[in-house]
Amino acid sequence: DQNPNLIRHLHDLSGVWQTDITYIQLTNHRWVYLATVLDPEKRKVLGYKIGDTMTAELATSALQKALDKHRKPL
């Protein structure tokens, strides 16, 4: 079930971060999860983490990496 796009109609994306988790199949047929934090205005990945399982720690690690390197969003 997908949540509604809450930023679709915003004209100013400064101060907005997006998150996503996706799964990737490796060449050895193993699956991993990629959690990302994105700046939609700059079209830039601010933080990411790859893990074997989709956990809250995976998502929060990606967010913490983004917060460690970039100013906190509005």
C-alpha atoms as a PDB file:
ATOM      1  CA  ASP A   1       0.000   0.000   0.000  1.00  0.00           C
ATOM      2  CA  GLN A   2       1.506   3.304  -1.102  1.00  0.00           C
ATOM      3  CA  ASN A   3       1.069   6.568   0.802  1.00  0.00           C
ATOM      4  CA  PRO A   4      -0.106   9.694  -1.019  1.00  0.00           C
ATOM      5  CA  ASN A   5       2.534  12.019  -2.495  1.00  0.00           C
ATOM      6  CA  LEU A   6       2.446  14.920  -0.016  1.00  0.00           C
ATOM      7  CA  ILE A   7       4.974  17.108  -1.849  1.00  0.00           C
ATOM      8  CA  ARG A   8       3.679  16.782  -5.406  1.00  0.00           C
ATOM      9  CA  HIS A   9       2.082  20.245  -5.414  1.00  0.00           C
ATOM     10  CA  LEU A  10       4.841  22.121  -3.553  1.00  0.00           C
ATOM     11  CA  HIS A  11       6.495  24.851  -5.601  1.00  0.00           C
ATOM     12  CA  ASP A  12       9.498  25.179  -3.273  1.00  0.00           C
ATOM     13  CA  LEU A  13      11.276  21.926  -2.420  1.00  0.00           C
ATOM     14  CA  SER A  14      14.078  23.560  -0.433  1.00  0.00           C
ATOM     15  CA  GLY A  15      14.154  22.052   3.014  1.00  0.00           C
ATOM     16  CA  VAL A  16      12.376  18.857   1.902  1.00  0.00           C
ATOM     17  CA  TRP A  17      13.970  15.418   2.154  1.00  0.00           C
ATOM     18  CA  GLN A  18      12.528  12.191   0.792  1.00  0.00           C
ATOM     19  CA  THR A  19      13.246   8.628   1.872  1.00  0.00           C
ATOM     20  CA  ASP A  20      12.943   5.340   0.063  1.00  0.00           C
ATOM     21  CA  ILE A  21      13.741   1.671   0.610  1.00  0.00           C
ATOM     22  CA  THR A  22      14.155  -0.647  -2.338  1.00  0.00           C
ATOM     23  CA  TYR A  23      15.460  -4.156  -2.822  1.00  0.00           C
ATOM     24  CA  ILE A  24      18.215  -5.179  -5.208  1.00  0.00           C
ATOM     25  CA  GLN A  25      19.107  -8.633  -6.462  1.00  0.00           C
ATOM     26  CA  LEU A  26      22.868  -9.197  -6.576  1.00  0.00           C
ATOM     27  CA  THR A  27      24.686 -11.250  -9.210  1.00  0.00           C
ATOM     28  CA  ASN A  28      24.872 -14.167  -6.755  1.00  0.00           C
ATOM     29  CA  HIS A  29      21.016 -14.058  -6.596  1.00  0.00           C
ATOM     30  CA  ARG A  30      21.049 -12.741  -3.014  1.00  0.00           C
ATOM     31  CA  TRP A  31      18.752  -9.819  -2.154  1.00  0.00           C
ATOM     32  CA  VAL A  32      19.779  -6.693  -0.258  1.00  0.00           C
ATOM     33  CA  TYR A  33      17.875  -3.579   0.783  1.00  0.00           C
ATOM     34  CA  LEU A  34      18.935  -0.020  -0.038  1.00  0.00           C
ATOM     35  CA  ALA A  35      17.641   2.796   2.171  1.00  0.00           C
ATOM     36  CA  THR A  36      18.189   6.314   0.808  1.00  0.00           C
ATOM     37  CA  VAL A  37      17.590   9.894   1.860  1.00  0.00           C
ATOM     38  CA  LEU A  38      17.174  12.229  -1.117  1.00  0.00           C
ATOM     39  CA  ASP A  39      17.090  15.980  -1.683  1.00  0.00           C
ATOM     40  CA  PRO A  40      14.453  16.346  -4.433  1.00  0.00           C
ATOM     41  CA  GLU A  41      15.404  19.947  -5.207  1.00  0.00           C
ATOM     42  CA  LYS A  42      19.086  19.179  -5.852  1.00  0.00           C
ATOM     43  CA  ARG A  43      18.333  15.659  -7.098  1.00  0.00           C
ATOM     44  CA  LYS A  44      21.040  14.330  -4.814  1.00  0.00           C
ATOM     45  CA  VAL A  45      21.408  11.351  -2.475  1.00  0.00           C
ATOM     46  CA  LEU A  46      22.227  12.708   0.991  1.00  0.00           C
ATOM     47  CA  GLY A  47      22.652   9.413   2.818  1.00  0.00           C
ATOM     48  CA  TYR A  48      22.272   5.698   2.195  1.00  0.00           C
ATOM     49  CA  LYS A  49      22.669   2.325   3.852  1.00  0.00           C
ATOM     50  CA  ILE A  50      22.621  -1.207   2.422  1.00  0.00           C
ATOM     51  CA  GLY A  51      21.552  -4.160   4.542  1.00  0.00           C
ATOM     52  CA  ASP A  52      20.493  -7.808   4.411  1.00  0.00           C
ATOM     53  CA  THR A  53      17.166  -7.122   6.112  1.00  0.00           C
ATOM     54  CA  MET A  54      14.637  -4.293   5.992  1.00  0.00           C
ATOM     55  CA  THR A  55      14.693  -2.952   9.536  1.00  0.00           C
ATOM     56  CA  ALA A  56      14.069   0.330  11.316  1.00  0.00           C
ATOM     57  CA  GLU A  57      17.825   0.467  11.972  1.00  0.00           C
ATOM     58  CA  LEU A  58      18.507   0.345   8.230  1.00  0.00           C
ATOM     59  CA  ALA A  59      16.237   3.328   7.610  1.00  0.00           C
ATOM     60  CA  THR A  60      17.457   5.354  10.591  1.00  0.00           C
ATOM     61  CA  SER A  61      21.107   4.709   9.677  1.00  0.00           C
ATOM     62  CA  ALA A  62      20.569   6.262   6.251  1.00  0.00           C
ATOM     63  CA  LEU A  63      18.864   9.241   7.879  1.00  0.00           C
ATOM     64  CA  GLN A  64      21.644   9.622  10.461  1.00  0.00           C
ATOM     65  CA  LYS A  65      24.279   9.630   7.689  1.00  0.00           C
ATOM     66  CA  ALA A  66      22.369  12.423   5.924  1.00  0.00           C
ATOM     67  CA  LEU A  67      22.052  14.426   9.149  1.00  0.00           C
ATOM     68  CA  ASP A  68      25.766  14.000   9.910  1.00  0.00           C
ATOM     69  CA  LYS A  69      26.782  15.444   6.520  1.00  0.00           C
ATOM     70  CA  HIS A  70      24.075  18.021   5.759  1.00  0.00           C
ATOM     71  CA  ARG A  71      22.099  20.736   7.495  1.00  0.00           C
ATOM     72  CA  LYS A  72      18.876  19.541   9.033  1.00  0.00           C
ATOM     73  CA  PRO A  73      15.924  20.115   6.668  1.00  0.00           C
ATOM     74  CA  LEU A  74      13.106  22.536   7.508  1.00  0.00           C
END
